[in-house]
N, C-alpha and C. Protein backbone atom coordinates (compact mmCIF):
# COMPACT_ATOMS: atom_id res chain seq x y z
N UNK A 1 0.83 -1.19 0.00
CA UNK A 1 0.00 0.00 0.00
C UNK A 1 0.87 1.26 0.00
N UNK A 2 1.92 1.24 0.83
CA UNK A 2 2.81 2.39 0.92
C UNK A 2 3.57 2.58 -0.39
N UNK A 3 4.01 1.47 -0.99
CA UNK A 3 4.73 1.56 -2.26
C UNK A 3 3.83 2.14 -3.35
N UNK A 4 2.57 1.73 -3.35
CA UNK A 4 1.63 2.25 -4.34
C UNK A 4 1.40 3.74 -4.20
N UNK A 5 1.27 4.21 -2.95
CA UNK A 5 1.10 5.64 -2.71
C UNK A 5 2.35 6.42 -3.10
N UNK A 6 3.51 5.85 -2.83
CA UNK A 6 4.76 6.50 -3.20
C UNK A 6 4.86 6.64 -4.72
N UNK A 7 4.51 5.59 -5.43
CA UNK A 7 4.52 5.65 -6.90
C UNK A 7 3.50 6.68 -7.39
N UNK A 8 2.32 6.70 -6.80
CA UNK A 8 1.28 7.65 -7.19
C UNK A 8 1.74 9.08 -7.01
N UNK A 9 2.31 9.40 -5.86
CA UNK A 9 2.77 10.77 -5.60
C UNK A 9 3.97 11.13 -6.47
N UNK A 10 4.82 10.16 -6.77
CA UNK A 10 5.94 10.41 -7.67
C UNK A 10 5.45 10.74 -9.06
N UNK A 11 4.47 9.99 -9.54
CA UNK A 11 3.91 10.27 -10.87
C UNK A 11 3.24 11.64 -10.88
N UNK A 12 2.50 11.97 -9.84
CA UNK A 12 1.87 13.29 -9.76
C UNK A 12 2.92 14.40 -9.78
N UNK A 13 4.01 14.21 -9.05
CA UNK A 13 5.07 15.22 -9.00
C UNK A 13 5.72 15.39 -10.37
N UNK A 14 5.97 14.30 -11.07
CA UNK A 14 6.59 14.38 -12.40
C UNK A 14 5.65 15.07 -13.38
N UNK A 15 4.37 14.74 -13.34
CA UNK A 15 3.39 15.38 -14.24
C UNK A 15 3.28 16.87 -13.91
N UNK A 16 3.28 17.22 -12.64
CA UNK A 16 3.21 18.64 -12.26
C UNK A 16 4.45 19.38 -12.73
N UNK A 17 5.62 18.76 -12.62
CA UNK A 17 6.85 19.38 -13.08
C UNK A 17 6.85 19.56 -14.59
N UNK A 18 6.37 18.57 -15.32
CA UNK A 18 6.27 18.69 -16.78
C UNK A 18 5.29 19.79 -17.17
N UNK A 19 4.17 19.87 -16.47
CA UNK A 19 3.18 20.91 -16.76
C UNK A 19 3.76 22.30 -16.49
N UNK A 20 4.43 22.45 -15.37
CA UNK A 20 5.03 23.73 -15.02
C UNK A 20 6.07 24.14 -16.06
N UNK A 21 6.93 23.20 -16.45
CA UNK A 21 7.98 23.54 -17.42
C UNK A 21 7.39 23.83 -18.80
N UNK A 22 6.34 23.12 -19.20
CA UNK A 22 5.75 23.40 -20.51
C UNK A 22 5.05 24.76 -20.52
N UNK A 23 4.45 25.15 -19.41
CA UNK A 23 3.85 26.48 -19.33
C UNK A 23 4.91 27.57 -19.40
N UNK A 24 6.05 27.35 -18.77
CA UNK A 24 7.15 28.32 -18.84
C UNK A 24 7.71 28.40 -20.25
N UNK A 25 7.79 27.26 -20.94
CA UNK A 25 8.32 27.26 -22.30
C UNK A 25 7.39 27.97 -23.26
N UNK A 26 6.11 27.96 -23.02
CA UNK A 26 5.16 28.63 -23.90
C UNK A 26 5.32 30.15 -23.84
N UNK A 27 5.85 30.66 -22.74
CA UNK A 27 6.01 32.09 -22.57
C UNK A 27 7.34 32.62 -23.10
N UNK A 28 8.21 31.75 -23.57
CA UNK A 28 9.51 32.18 -24.08
C UNK A 28 9.37 32.85 -25.44
N UNK A 29 10.38 33.60 -25.80
CA UNK A 29 10.42 34.22 -27.11
C UNK A 29 10.61 33.16 -28.18
N UNK A 30 10.27 33.49 -29.41
CA UNK A 30 10.34 32.53 -30.51
C UNK A 30 11.77 32.08 -30.78
N UNK A 31 12.73 32.97 -30.63
CA UNK A 31 14.13 32.61 -30.89
C UNK A 31 14.61 31.59 -29.86
N UNK A 32 14.28 31.83 -28.60
CA UNK A 32 14.69 30.89 -27.55
C UNK A 32 13.99 29.55 -27.71
N UNK A 33 12.72 29.58 -28.12
CA UNK A 33 11.99 28.33 -28.36
C UNK A 33 12.66 27.53 -29.47
N UNK A 34 13.08 28.21 -30.54
CA UNK A 34 13.72 27.53 -31.66
C UNK A 34 15.04 26.90 -31.23
N UNK A 35 15.82 27.62 -30.42
CA UNK A 35 17.09 27.07 -29.92
C UNK A 35 16.84 25.87 -29.02
N UNK A 36 15.86 26.00 -28.13
CA UNK A 36 15.53 24.90 -27.22
C UNK A 36 15.06 23.67 -28.01
N UNK A 37 14.23 23.89 -29.02
CA UNK A 37 13.72 22.79 -29.84
C UNK A 37 14.85 22.10 -30.58
N UNK A 38 15.82 22.88 -31.09
CA UNK A 38 16.95 22.31 -31.82
C UNK A 38 17.79 21.43 -30.90
N UNK A 39 18.09 21.93 -29.71
CA UNK A 39 18.88 21.16 -28.74
C UNK A 39 18.10 19.92 -28.30
N UNK A 40 16.80 20.07 -28.08
CA UNK A 40 15.97 18.94 -27.67
C UNK A 40 16.02 17.81 -28.70
N UNK A 41 15.89 18.14 -29.99
CA UNK A 41 15.89 17.11 -31.01
C UNK A 41 17.26 16.45 -31.17
N UNK A 42 18.35 17.20 -30.93
CA UNK A 42 19.67 16.57 -30.94
C UNK A 42 19.78 15.54 -29.81
N UNK A 43 19.37 15.94 -28.60
CA UNK A 43 19.43 15.01 -27.48
C UNK A 43 18.48 13.82 -27.68
N UNK A 44 17.31 14.07 -28.27
CA UNK A 44 16.35 13.00 -28.51
C UNK A 44 16.90 11.99 -29.52
N UNK A 45 17.52 12.49 -30.58
CA UNK A 45 18.14 11.60 -31.57
C UNK A 45 19.26 10.78 -30.95
N UNK A 46 20.11 11.43 -30.16
CA UNK A 46 21.19 10.70 -29.50
C UNK A 46 20.66 9.68 -28.51
N UNK A 47 19.59 10.04 -27.80
CA UNK A 47 18.98 9.10 -26.86
C UNK A 47 18.44 7.87 -27.57
N UNK A 48 17.77 8.07 -28.71
CA UNK A 48 17.23 6.93 -29.47
C UNK A 48 18.35 6.03 -29.98
N UNK A 49 19.40 6.62 -30.49
CA UNK A 49 20.54 5.83 -30.98
C UNK A 49 21.16 5.05 -29.83
N UNK A 50 21.42 5.74 -28.72
CA UNK A 50 22.04 5.08 -27.56
C UNK A 50 21.16 3.96 -27.03
N UNK A 51 19.86 4.21 -26.95
CA UNK A 51 18.93 3.19 -26.45
C UNK A 51 18.89 1.98 -27.37
N UNK A 52 18.85 2.22 -28.68
CA UNK A 52 18.82 1.10 -29.63
C UNK A 52 20.09 0.27 -29.58
N UNK A 53 21.24 0.94 -29.52
CA UNK A 53 22.52 0.21 -29.45
C UNK A 53 22.61 -0.56 -28.14
N UNK A 54 22.23 0.06 -27.06
CA UNK A 54 22.29 -0.61 -25.76
C UNK A 54 21.37 -1.83 -25.72
N UNK A 55 20.16 -1.71 -26.27
CA UNK A 55 19.24 -2.84 -26.30
C UNK A 55 19.77 -3.96 -27.19
N UNK A 56 20.42 -3.61 -28.30
CA UNK A 56 20.99 -4.65 -29.18
C UNK A 56 22.10 -5.41 -28.48
N UNK A 57 22.96 -4.68 -27.77
CA UNK A 57 24.05 -5.35 -27.06
C UNK A 57 23.52 -6.16 -25.88
N UNK A 58 22.48 -5.68 -25.23
CA UNK A 58 21.92 -6.38 -24.08
C UNK A 58 21.30 -7.71 -24.49
N UNK A 59 20.59 -7.71 -25.63
CA UNK A 59 19.93 -8.94 -26.09
C UNK A 59 20.87 -9.85 -26.87
N UNK A 60 22.00 -9.32 -27.31
CA UNK A 60 23.01 -10.07 -28.08
C UNK A 60 22.43 -10.69 -29.35
N UNK A 61 21.49 -10.02 -29.94
CA UNK A 61 20.92 -10.49 -31.20
C UNK A 61 20.40 -9.30 -31.98
N UNK A 62 20.24 -9.48 -33.28
CA UNK A 62 19.69 -8.43 -34.14
C UNK A 62 18.18 -8.46 -34.04
N UNK A 63 17.60 -7.32 -33.71
CA UNK A 63 16.15 -7.20 -33.63
C UNK A 63 15.75 -5.99 -34.47
N UNK A 64 14.76 -6.14 -35.30
CA UNK A 64 14.37 -5.08 -36.22
C UNK A 64 13.87 -3.85 -35.47
N UNK A 65 13.27 -4.02 -34.31
CA UNK A 65 12.76 -2.89 -33.54
C UNK A 65 13.91 -2.01 -33.07
N UNK A 66 14.98 -2.63 -32.58
CA UNK A 66 16.13 -1.86 -32.12
C UNK A 66 16.83 -1.18 -33.28
N UNK A 67 16.89 -1.86 -34.42
CA UNK A 67 17.49 -1.27 -35.60
C UNK A 67 16.67 -0.06 -36.07
N UNK A 68 15.37 -0.18 -36.03
CA UNK A 68 14.50 0.94 -36.42
C UNK A 68 14.65 2.11 -35.44
N UNK A 69 14.86 1.80 -34.17
CA UNK A 69 15.08 2.85 -33.18
C UNK A 69 16.36 3.63 -33.48
N UNK A 70 17.41 2.91 -33.85
CA UNK A 70 18.67 3.56 -34.23
C UNK A 70 18.46 4.39 -35.50
N UNK A 71 17.73 3.84 -36.44
CA UNK A 71 17.48 4.53 -37.70
C UNK A 71 16.67 5.81 -37.48
N UNK A 72 15.66 5.76 -36.64
CA UNK A 72 14.86 6.96 -36.35
C UNK A 72 15.72 8.01 -35.64
N UNK A 73 16.60 7.57 -34.74
CA UNK A 73 17.52 8.51 -34.09
C UNK A 73 18.43 9.19 -35.09
N UNK A 74 18.95 8.42 -36.05
CA UNK A 74 19.78 9.01 -37.09
C UNK A 74 18.99 9.99 -37.95
N UNK A 75 17.75 9.64 -38.26
CA UNK A 75 16.90 10.54 -39.05
C UNK A 75 16.66 11.84 -38.30
N UNK A 76 16.42 11.77 -36.99
CA UNK A 76 16.25 12.99 -36.20
C UNK A 76 17.50 13.84 -36.23
N UNK A 77 18.67 13.22 -36.07
CA UNK A 77 19.91 13.99 -36.07
C UNK A 77 20.17 14.66 -37.42
N UNK A 78 19.99 13.90 -38.50
CA UNK A 78 20.26 14.44 -39.83
C UNK A 78 19.24 15.52 -40.19
N UNK A 79 17.96 15.27 -39.91
CA UNK A 79 16.92 16.26 -40.23
C UNK A 79 17.12 17.53 -39.41
N UNK A 80 17.52 17.40 -38.18
CA UNK A 80 17.76 18.57 -37.34
C UNK A 80 18.96 19.35 -37.85
N UNK A 81 20.01 18.65 -38.26
CA UNK A 81 21.20 19.30 -38.79
C UNK A 81 20.89 20.05 -40.08
N UNK A 82 20.06 19.47 -40.92
CA UNK A 82 19.70 20.10 -42.19
C UNK A 82 18.63 21.17 -42.05
N UNK A 83 18.04 21.29 -40.86
CA UNK A 83 17.04 22.32 -40.61
C UNK A 83 15.64 21.94 -41.04
N UNK A 84 15.37 20.66 -41.22
CA UNK A 84 14.05 20.21 -41.66
C UNK A 84 13.03 20.17 -40.51
N UNK A 85 13.48 20.23 -39.28
CA UNK A 85 12.57 20.16 -38.14
C UNK A 85 12.19 21.54 -37.60
N UNK A 86 12.66 22.59 -38.25
CA UNK A 86 12.33 23.95 -37.80
C UNK A 86 10.93 24.33 -38.23
N UNK A 87 10.30 25.19 -37.44
CA UNK A 87 8.96 25.65 -37.79
C UNK A 87 9.04 26.61 -38.97
N UNK A 88 8.14 26.44 -39.90
CA UNK A 88 8.07 27.34 -41.05
C UNK A 88 6.94 28.34 -40.81
N UNK A 89 7.27 29.60 -40.82
CA UNK A 89 6.26 30.64 -40.65
C UNK A 89 5.73 31.07 -42.01
N UNK A 90 4.41 31.03 -42.20
CA UNK A 90 3.87 31.51 -43.49
C UNK A 90 4.00 33.03 -43.59
N UNK A 91 4.34 33.49 -44.78
CA UNK A 91 4.52 34.94 -44.98
C UNK A 91 3.25 35.61 -45.37
């Protein structure tokens, strides 16, 4: 019972922290949002690549899901580098 309540309050705290940070991010200037988004996608791509490689080594076998995870991470990194993930403002 105590473990369940601890997990419940931990989840509530994480959700509240995410909500607070997303509200703060909405109030930022467009330039800062673009920089934050660019850094976020670099870290997200690296995280996907690292997670896929780690899972492949842990299972010691080739799995298409882990390979796709690495591939999606590479796509995020390349697309972010080329500027394809930036918001386009209509003129």
